[in-house]
Amino acid sequence: MDQRDEQEFAEYFVARREAVRRTAYLLCGDWHRADDFAQTAFVAVHRRWRKIRDKQALDAYVRRTLVRAVIDESRRPWRREKFTDELPESPTQDNEIGETVATREALMKGLRRVPPRQRAVLVLRFLEGLDVTATAEVLKCSEGTVKSQTARGLTALREALGDAIDDLRPAS
């Protein structure tokens, strides 16, 4: 890679690093793993930087790489989470914690209990703001799959959250 390409990549990296890291965190629920996934995505972009013709599609490429890395990692046997009825220790609830923080924490706990593919769809659709078509492109699947995974993911999230967040209950 020549000096100009390195400079372009460095500028892109600085501009998008926090957004990619935040998306990775929403997908996996752990900041340390989010850093690893973001690094994986940026390394993949750096490796193919000279071959990328449409620089406007970089965000989509990084997003797709990120989602695939999270899903692939969740399939590895040593990464499979085992849920138990009892937690080793529960965090203390402080009355001074704002409602926003409590809601965010409840949402993150609920997202961790949703299967990885459904979690990816929910994060891309509702937290990244992509529509069905764009989500299908990122995940390389049909729009019908995105719709069904969204419905199943929302159902799983509602079940995981219980009454923790009222806004996620169906409107029936």
Protein backbone atom coordinates (compact mmCIF):
# COMPACT_ATOMS: atom_id res chain seq x y z
CA MET A 1 0.00 0.00 0.00
CA ASP A 2 1.38 3.39 -0.91
CA GLN A 3 1.49 6.49 1.30
CA ARG A 4 -1.74 7.98 -0.10
CA ASP A 5 -3.68 4.74 0.52
CA GLU A 6 -2.31 4.50 4.05
CA GLN A 7 -3.40 8.09 4.72
CA GLU A 8 -6.90 7.43 3.34
CA PHE A 9 -7.26 4.32 5.47
CA ALA A 10 -5.99 6.15 8.57
CA GLU A 11 -8.55 8.93 8.04
CA TYR A 12 -11.36 6.40 7.57
CA PHE A 13 -10.25 4.49 10.68
CA VAL A 14 -10.18 7.60 12.87
CA ALA A 15 -13.57 8.74 11.60
CA ARG A 16 -15.36 5.39 12.04
CA ARG A 17 -13.55 3.62 14.90
CA GLU A 18 -15.96 4.57 17.70
CA ALA A 19 -19.09 3.83 15.68
CA VAL A 20 -17.78 0.40 14.69
CA ARG A 21 -16.71 -0.34 18.25
CA ARG A 22 -20.14 0.69 19.55
CA THR A 23 -21.89 -1.54 17.02
CA ALA A 24 -19.62 -4.43 17.98
CA TYR A 25 -20.50 -3.89 21.63
CA LEU A 26 -24.20 -3.95 20.83
CA LEU A 27 -23.68 -7.23 18.98
CA CYS A 28 -21.63 -9.01 21.64
CA GLY A 29 -22.27 -7.17 24.92
CA ASP A 30 -18.64 -7.01 26.03
CA TRP A 31 -16.32 -4.04 25.42
CA HIS A 32 -13.17 -6.17 25.28
CA ARG A 33 -14.61 -8.53 22.70
CA ALA A 34 -16.07 -5.50 20.87
CA ASP A 35 -12.54 -4.11 20.52
CA ASP A 36 -11.39 -7.44 19.08
CA PHE A 37 -14.27 -7.58 16.62
CA ALA A 38 -13.73 -3.96 15.54
CA GLN A 39 -10.05 -4.70 15.02
CA THR A 40 -10.94 -7.77 12.94
CA ALA A 41 -13.20 -5.65 10.74
CA PHE A 42 -10.62 -2.91 10.25
CA VAL A 43 -7.85 -5.42 9.50
CA ALA A 44 -10.07 -6.96 6.81
CA VAL A 45 -10.67 -3.51 5.29
CA HIS A 46 -6.97 -2.65 5.44
CA ARG A 47 -6.05 -5.92 3.74
CA ARG A 48 -8.38 -5.18 0.82
CA TRP A 49 -8.07 -1.38 0.75
CA ARG A 50 -6.46 -1.19 -2.70
CA LYS A 51 -9.10 -3.50 -4.21
CA ILE A 52 -12.08 -1.55 -2.89
CA ARG A 53 -13.38 0.49 -5.79
CA ASP A 54 -16.41 2.09 -4.14
CA LYS A 55 -15.15 3.93 -1.08
CA GLN A 56 -18.76 4.97 -0.35
CA ALA A 57 -19.54 1.30 0.44
CA LEU A 58 -16.86 1.01 3.12
CA ASP A 59 -19.34 1.27 6.00
CA ALA A 60 -21.41 -1.56 4.57
CA TYR A 61 -18.28 -3.70 4.09
CA VAL A 62 -17.08 -3.05 7.65
CA ARG A 63 -20.55 -3.70 9.05
CA ARG A 64 -20.86 -7.00 7.16
CA THR A 65 -17.38 -8.08 8.30
CA LEU A 66 -18.22 -7.15 11.87
CA VAL A 67 -21.52 -9.04 11.96
CA ARG A 68 -19.95 -12.11 10.40
CA ALA A 69 -17.08 -12.06 12.89
CA VAL A 70 -19.49 -11.94 15.84
CA ILE A 71 -21.69 -14.71 14.47
CA ASP A 72 -18.69 -16.89 13.57
CA GLU A 73 -17.19 -16.41 17.02
CA SER A 74 -20.46 -17.40 18.68
CA ARG A 75 -20.37 -20.69 16.77
CA ARG A 76 -16.98 -21.68 18.14
CA PRO A 77 -17.32 -24.31 20.87
CA TRP A 78 -15.18 -22.52 23.44
CA ARG A 79 -17.28 -19.36 23.15
CA ARG A 80 -20.68 -20.90 23.70
CA GLU A 81 -22.26 -19.35 26.71
CA LYS A 82 -23.91 -21.56 29.26
CA PHE A 83 -26.83 -19.95 31.00
CA THR A 84 -27.53 -20.85 34.60
CA ASP A 85 -30.39 -20.06 36.91
CA GLU A 86 -28.12 -18.47 39.48
CA LEU A 87 -25.61 -15.76 38.79
CA PRO A 88 -22.32 -15.86 40.69
CA GLU A 89 -22.86 -12.34 41.96
CA SER A 90 -25.45 -9.75 41.13
CA PRO A 91 -24.68 -6.08 40.69
CA THR A 92 -25.92 -3.77 43.40
CA GLN A 93 -28.76 -1.53 42.40
CA ASP A 94 -28.13 2.06 43.37
CA ASN A 95 -31.15 4.34 43.57
CA GLU A 96 -29.11 7.16 42.06
CA ILE A 97 -28.73 5.36 38.73
CA GLY A 98 -30.69 7.25 36.13
CA GLU A 99 -33.62 5.69 34.32
CA THR A 100 -31.70 5.82 31.05
CA VAL A 101 -28.81 3.81 32.43
CA ALA A 102 -31.15 1.24 33.97
CA THR A 103 -33.04 0.91 30.69
CA ARG A 104 -29.82 0.54 28.71
CA GLU A 105 -28.52 -2.11 31.11
CA ALA A 106 -31.80 -4.05 30.92
CA LEU A 107 -31.70 -3.87 27.13
CA MET A 108 -28.09 -5.08 26.99
CA LYS A 109 -28.86 -8.00 29.32
CA GLY A 110 -31.84 -8.89 27.17
CA LEU A 111 -29.83 -8.66 23.94
CA ARG A 112 -27.21 -11.05 25.33
CA ARG A 113 -29.94 -13.67 25.72
CA VAL A 114 -31.09 -13.38 22.08
CA PRO A 115 -29.42 -15.81 19.61
CA PRO A 116 -26.53 -14.20 17.67
CA ARG A 117 -28.17 -14.02 14.23
CA GLN A 118 -31.37 -12.54 15.64
CA ARG A 119 -29.30 -10.14 17.78
CA ALA A 120 -27.44 -9.03 14.66
CA VAL A 121 -30.72 -8.31 12.88
CA LEU A 122 -32.11 -6.36 15.85
CA VAL A 123 -28.93 -4.28 16.24
CA LEU A 124 -28.74 -3.51 12.53
CA ARG A 125 -32.44 -2.71 12.19
CA PHE A 126 -33.21 -0.81 15.36
CA LEU A 127 -29.92 0.48 16.75
CA GLU A 128 -28.02 1.11 13.52
CA GLY A 129 -31.19 2.29 11.76
CA LEU A 130 -30.93 0.12 8.65
CA ASP A 131 -34.05 -0.84 6.76
CA VAL A 132 -34.97 -4.41 5.80
CA THR A 133 -33.22 -4.21 2.42
CA ALA A 134 -29.96 -2.83 3.80
CA THR A 135 -29.95 -5.38 6.63
CA ALA A 136 -30.47 -8.18 4.12
CA GLU A 137 -27.52 -6.89 2.09
CA VAL A 138 -25.26 -6.75 5.16
CA LEU A 139 -26.20 -10.27 6.25
CA LYS A 140 -26.31 -11.62 2.68
CA CYS A 141 -29.75 -13.12 3.11
CA SER A 142 -33.25 -12.52 1.79
CA GLU A 143 -35.53 -9.77 3.03
CA GLY A 144 -37.94 -12.45 4.21
CA THR A 145 -35.22 -13.91 6.41
CA VAL A 146 -34.56 -10.47 7.90
CA LYS A 147 -38.28 -10.04 8.62
CA SER A 148 -38.64 -13.45 10.23
CA GLN A 149 -35.42 -13.05 12.24
CA THR A 150 -36.65 -9.62 13.37
CA ALA A 151 -39.96 -11.05 14.55
CA ARG A 152 -38.28 -13.96 16.32
CA GLY A 153 -35.61 -11.71 17.80
CA LEU A 154 -38.17 -9.24 19.16
CA THR A 155 -40.14 -12.12 20.67
CA ALA A 156 -36.98 -13.51 22.28
CA LEU A 157 -36.02 -10.04 23.53
CA ARG A 158 -39.49 -9.47 24.99
CA GLU A 159 -39.28 -12.82 26.77
CA ALA A 160 -35.78 -12.06 28.07
CA LEU A 161 -36.78 -8.62 29.32
CA GLY A 162 -40.12 -9.49 30.85
CA ASP A 163 -41.54 -6.23 32.21
CA ALA A 164 -38.16 -4.47 32.34
CA ILE A 165 -38.97 -2.25 29.35
CA ASP A 166 -42.62 -1.49 28.63
CA ASP A 167 -42.08 -0.10 25.11
CA LEU A 168 -41.18 -3.52 23.67
CA ARG A 169 -44.55 -5.13 24.37
CA PRO A 170 -46.67 -5.87 21.27
CA ALA A 171 -49.33 -3.28 20.50
CA SER A 172 -52.22 -5.77 20.63
